[in-house]
């Protein structure tokens, strides 16, 4: 299974639509281990209006662990078959391992305007 994390300097980027790149981990959900990793450059422009959802879906991504995200981006990712968990922060590998161990839950917070940078 693959999970994606909007990233900047190996940390979760505060805003999905403006991240530098996506860290994509291939994980074994039975052993709760990361078995491979890769990065994908972020498309130019706003994430919710780019083709990133279909690109991630085509790569086999099933979950996106993010910081802040607008309602449009959540909808586009969900329509592409990608589950979204918001409210994540910190080192991408630590966040991924916390998700594998079942200690992350979606914050339910949505950015309510296009330039949202609230934590």
C-alpha atoms as a PDB file:
ATOM      1  CA  UNK A   1       0.000   0.000   0.000  1.00  0.00           C
ATOM      2  CA  UNK A   2       1.168   3.544  -0.693  1.00  0.00           C
ATOM      3  CA  UNK A   3       0.651   6.666   1.399  1.00  0.00           C
ATOM      4  CA  UNK A   4       1.538  10.235   0.410  1.00  0.00           C
ATOM      5  CA  UNK A   5       2.571  13.184   2.556  1.00  0.00           C
ATOM      6  CA  UNK A   6       2.763  16.796   1.266  1.00  0.00           C
ATOM      7  CA  UNK A   7       6.325  17.721   2.205  1.00  0.00           C
ATOM      8  CA  UNK A   8       8.829  20.512   2.664  1.00  0.00           C
ATOM      9  CA  UNK A   9      12.301  19.808   4.138  1.00  0.00           C
ATOM     10  CA  UNK A  10      11.244  16.268   5.170  1.00  0.00           C
ATOM     11  CA  UNK A  11       8.360  17.657   7.242  1.00  0.00           C
ATOM     12  CA  UNK A  12       4.635  17.777   6.593  1.00  0.00           C
ATOM     13  CA  UNK A  13       3.962  20.997   4.711  1.00  0.00           C
ATOM     14  CA  UNK A  14       1.445  23.242   6.473  1.00  0.00           C
ATOM     15  CA  UNK A  15      -0.629  23.540   3.309  1.00  0.00           C
ATOM     16  CA  UNK A  16      -1.251  20.716   0.857  1.00  0.00           C
ATOM     17  CA  UNK A  17      -1.667  22.948  -2.201  1.00  0.00           C
ATOM     18  CA  UNK A  18       1.684  24.672  -1.805  1.00  0.00           C
ATOM     19  CA  UNK A  19       4.041  21.863  -0.802  1.00  0.00           C
ATOM     20  CA  UNK A  20       7.475  21.467  -2.422  1.00  0.00           C
ATOM     21  CA  UNK A  21       7.012  17.747  -3.102  1.00  0.00           C
ATOM     22  CA  UNK A  22       5.138  14.649  -1.982  1.00  0.00           C
ATOM     23  CA  UNK A  23       6.868  11.943  -0.012  1.00  0.00           C
ATOM     24  CA  UNK A  24       5.384   8.602  -0.991  1.00  0.00           C
ATOM     25  CA  UNK A  25       5.954   5.611   1.243  1.00  0.00           C
ATOM     26  CA  UNK A  26       5.175   2.040   0.301  1.00  0.00           C
ATOM     27  CA  UNK A  27       4.091   0.408   3.538  1.00  0.00           C
ATOM     28  CA  UNK A  28       3.327  -3.075   4.762  1.00  0.00           C
ATOM     29  CA  UNK A  29       0.236  -2.616   6.900  1.00  0.00           C
ATOM     30  CA  UNK A  30       0.607  -6.101   8.433  1.00  0.00           C
ATOM     31  CA  UNK A  31       4.165  -5.625   9.700  1.00  0.00           C
ATOM     32  CA  UNK A  32       3.659  -1.854  10.122  1.00  0.00           C
ATOM     33  CA  UNK A  33       6.868  -1.091   8.263  1.00  0.00           C
ATOM     34  CA  UNK A  34       7.912   1.333   5.556  1.00  0.00           C
ATOM     35  CA  UNK A  35       9.386  -0.779   2.786  1.00  0.00           C
ATOM     36  CA  UNK A  36      10.169   1.878   0.162  1.00  0.00           C
ATOM     37  CA  UNK A  37      10.065   5.638  -0.343  1.00  0.00           C
ATOM     38  CA  UNK A  38      10.129   8.071  -3.230  1.00  0.00           C
ATOM     39  CA  UNK A  39       9.409  11.734  -3.853  1.00  0.00           C
ATOM     40  CA  UNK A  40       7.176  13.358  -6.432  1.00  0.00           C
ATOM     41  CA  UNK A  41       7.633  17.049  -7.308  1.00  0.00           C
ATOM     42  CA  UNK A  42       4.560  19.148  -6.624  1.00  0.00           C
ATOM     43  CA  UNK A  43       2.751  20.434  -9.701  1.00  0.00           C
ATOM     44  CA  UNK A  44       2.749  24.186 -10.200  1.00  0.00           C
ATOM     45  CA  UNK A  45      -0.298  26.050  -9.000  1.00  0.00           C
ATOM     46  CA  UNK A  46      -2.894  25.145  -6.425  1.00  0.00           C
ATOM     47  CA  UNK A  47      -3.041  21.478  -5.444  1.00  0.00           C
ATOM     48  CA  UNK A  48      -6.825  21.174  -5.691  1.00  0.00           C
ATOM     49  CA  UNK A  49      -6.813  22.505  -9.257  1.00  0.00           C
ATOM     50  CA  UNK A  50      -3.864  20.425 -10.466  1.00  0.00           C
ATOM     51  CA  UNK A  51      -3.805  16.799 -11.602  1.00  0.00           C
ATOM     52  CA  UNK A  52      -2.105  15.657  -8.377  1.00  0.00           C
ATOM     53  CA  UNK A  53      -5.071  13.568  -7.186  1.00  0.00           C
ATOM     54  CA  UNK A  54      -5.169  11.462 -10.350  1.00  0.00           C
ATOM     55  CA  UNK A  55      -1.362  11.251 -10.437  1.00  0.00           C
ATOM     56  CA  UNK A  56      -1.222   9.967  -6.849  1.00  0.00           C
ATOM     57  CA  UNK A  57      -4.113   7.578  -7.484  1.00  0.00           C
ATOM     58  CA  UNK A  58      -2.410   6.226 -10.620  1.00  0.00           C
ATOM     59  CA  UNK A  59       0.703   5.591  -8.491  1.00  0.00           C
ATOM     60  CA  UNK A  60      -1.380   3.480  -6.106  1.00  0.00           C
ATOM     61  CA  UNK A  61      -1.665   5.978  -3.246  1.00  0.00           C
ATOM     62  CA  UNK A  62      -4.604   5.124  -0.965  1.00  0.00           C
ATOM     63  CA  UNK A  63      -4.028   7.559   1.948  1.00  0.00           C
ATOM     64  CA  UNK A  64      -2.789  11.164   2.155  1.00  0.00           C
ATOM     65  CA  UNK A  65      -1.526  12.420   5.531  1.00  0.00           C
ATOM     66  CA  UNK A  66      -1.654  16.218   5.494  1.00  0.00           C
ATOM     67  CA  UNK A  67      -1.558  19.379   7.559  1.00  0.00           C
ATOM     68  CA  UNK A  68      -4.128  21.927   6.436  1.00  0.00           C
ATOM     69  CA  UNK A  69      -6.299  21.360   3.400  1.00  0.00           C
ATOM     70  CA  UNK A  70      -9.266  23.031   1.797  1.00  0.00           C
ATOM     71  CA  UNK A  71     -12.604  21.371   1.189  1.00  0.00           C
ATOM     72  CA  UNK A  72     -12.032  21.312  -2.586  1.00  0.00           C
ATOM     73  CA  UNK A  73      -8.797  19.369  -2.233  1.00  0.00           C
ATOM     74  CA  UNK A  74     -10.374  16.862   0.165  1.00  0.00           C
ATOM     75  CA  UNK A  75     -13.237  16.321  -2.293  1.00  0.00           C
ATOM     76  CA  UNK A  76     -10.923  15.905  -5.308  1.00  0.00           C
ATOM     77  CA  UNK A  77      -8.699  13.427  -3.447  1.00  0.00           C
ATOM     78  CA  UNK A  78     -11.682  11.484  -2.095  1.00  0.00           C
ATOM     79  CA  UNK A  79     -13.164  11.276  -5.594  1.00  0.00           C
ATOM     80  CA  UNK A  80      -9.835   9.785  -6.730  1.00  0.00           C
ATOM     81  CA  UNK A  81     -10.137   7.072  -4.070  1.00  0.00           C
ATOM     82  CA  UNK A  82      -7.630   8.604  -1.635  1.00  0.00           C
ATOM     83  CA  UNK A  83      -8.488   8.785   2.066  1.00  0.00           C
ATOM     84  CA  UNK A  84      -7.374  12.065   3.670  1.00  0.00           C
ATOM     85  CA  UNK A  85      -6.221  12.599   7.257  1.00  0.00           C
ATOM     86  CA  UNK A  86      -5.685  16.258   8.191  1.00  0.00           C
ATOM     87  CA  UNK A  87      -3.967  17.854  11.160  1.00  0.00           C
ATOM     88  CA  UNK A  88      -0.604  16.100  10.745  1.00  0.00           C
ATOM     89  CA  UNK A  89       2.682  17.859  11.444  1.00  0.00           C
ATOM     90  CA  UNK A  90       6.347  17.073  11.901  1.00  0.00           C
ATOM     91  CA  UNK A  91       8.802  14.665  10.323  1.00  0.00           C
ATOM     92  CA  UNK A  92       7.212  12.731   7.433  1.00  0.00           C
ATOM     93  CA  UNK A  93       8.638   9.358   8.456  1.00  0.00           C
ATOM     94  CA  UNK A  94       7.475   9.807  12.060  1.00  0.00           C
ATOM     95  CA  UNK A  95       3.992  10.797  10.870  1.00  0.00           C
ATOM     96  CA  UNK A  96       3.844   7.752   8.569  1.00  0.00           C
ATOM     97  CA  UNK A  97       4.931   5.412  11.379  1.00  0.00           C
ATOM     98  CA  UNK A  98       2.350   6.956  13.721  1.00  0.00           C
ATOM     99  CA  UNK A  99      -0.327   6.307  11.096  1.00  0.00           C
ATOM    100  CA  UNK A 100       0.847   2.713  10.698  1.00  0.00           C
ATOM    101  CA  UNK A 101       0.599   2.260  14.470  1.00  0.00           C
ATOM    102  CA  UNK A 102      -2.958   3.616  14.456  1.00  0.00           C
ATOM    103  CA  UNK A 103      -2.241   6.729  16.497  1.00  0.00           C
ATOM    104  CA  UNK A 104      -3.416   9.317  13.931  1.00  0.00           C
ATOM    105  CA  UNK A 105      -6.976  10.506  13.412  1.00  0.00           C
ATOM    106  CA  UNK A 106      -8.326  13.109  11.038  1.00  0.00           C
ATOM    107  CA  UNK A 107      -8.593  16.512  12.715  1.00  0.00           C
ATOM    108  CA  UNK A 108     -11.645  17.360  10.610  1.00  0.00           C
ATOM    109  CA  UNK A 109     -10.280  20.884  10.127  1.00  0.00           C
ATOM    110  CA  UNK A 110     -10.801  22.472   6.738  1.00  0.00           C
ATOM    111  CA  UNK A 111      -9.194  25.639   5.464  1.00  0.00           C
ATOM    112  CA  UNK A 112     -12.050  28.030   4.812  1.00  0.00           C
ATOM    113  CA  UNK A 113     -10.235  30.247   2.344  1.00  0.00           C
ATOM    114  CA  UNK A 114      -7.766  29.745  -0.473  1.00  0.00           C
ATOM    115  CA  UNK A 115      -4.655  31.034   1.315  1.00  0.00           C
ATOM    116  CA  UNK A 116      -5.268  29.242   4.631  1.00  0.00           C
ATOM    117  CA  UNK A 117      -2.085  28.765   6.634  1.00  0.00           C
ATOM    118  CA  UNK A 118      -3.602  28.197  10.072  1.00  0.00           C
ATOM    119  CA  UNK A 119      -2.362  25.306  12.132  1.00  0.00           C
END
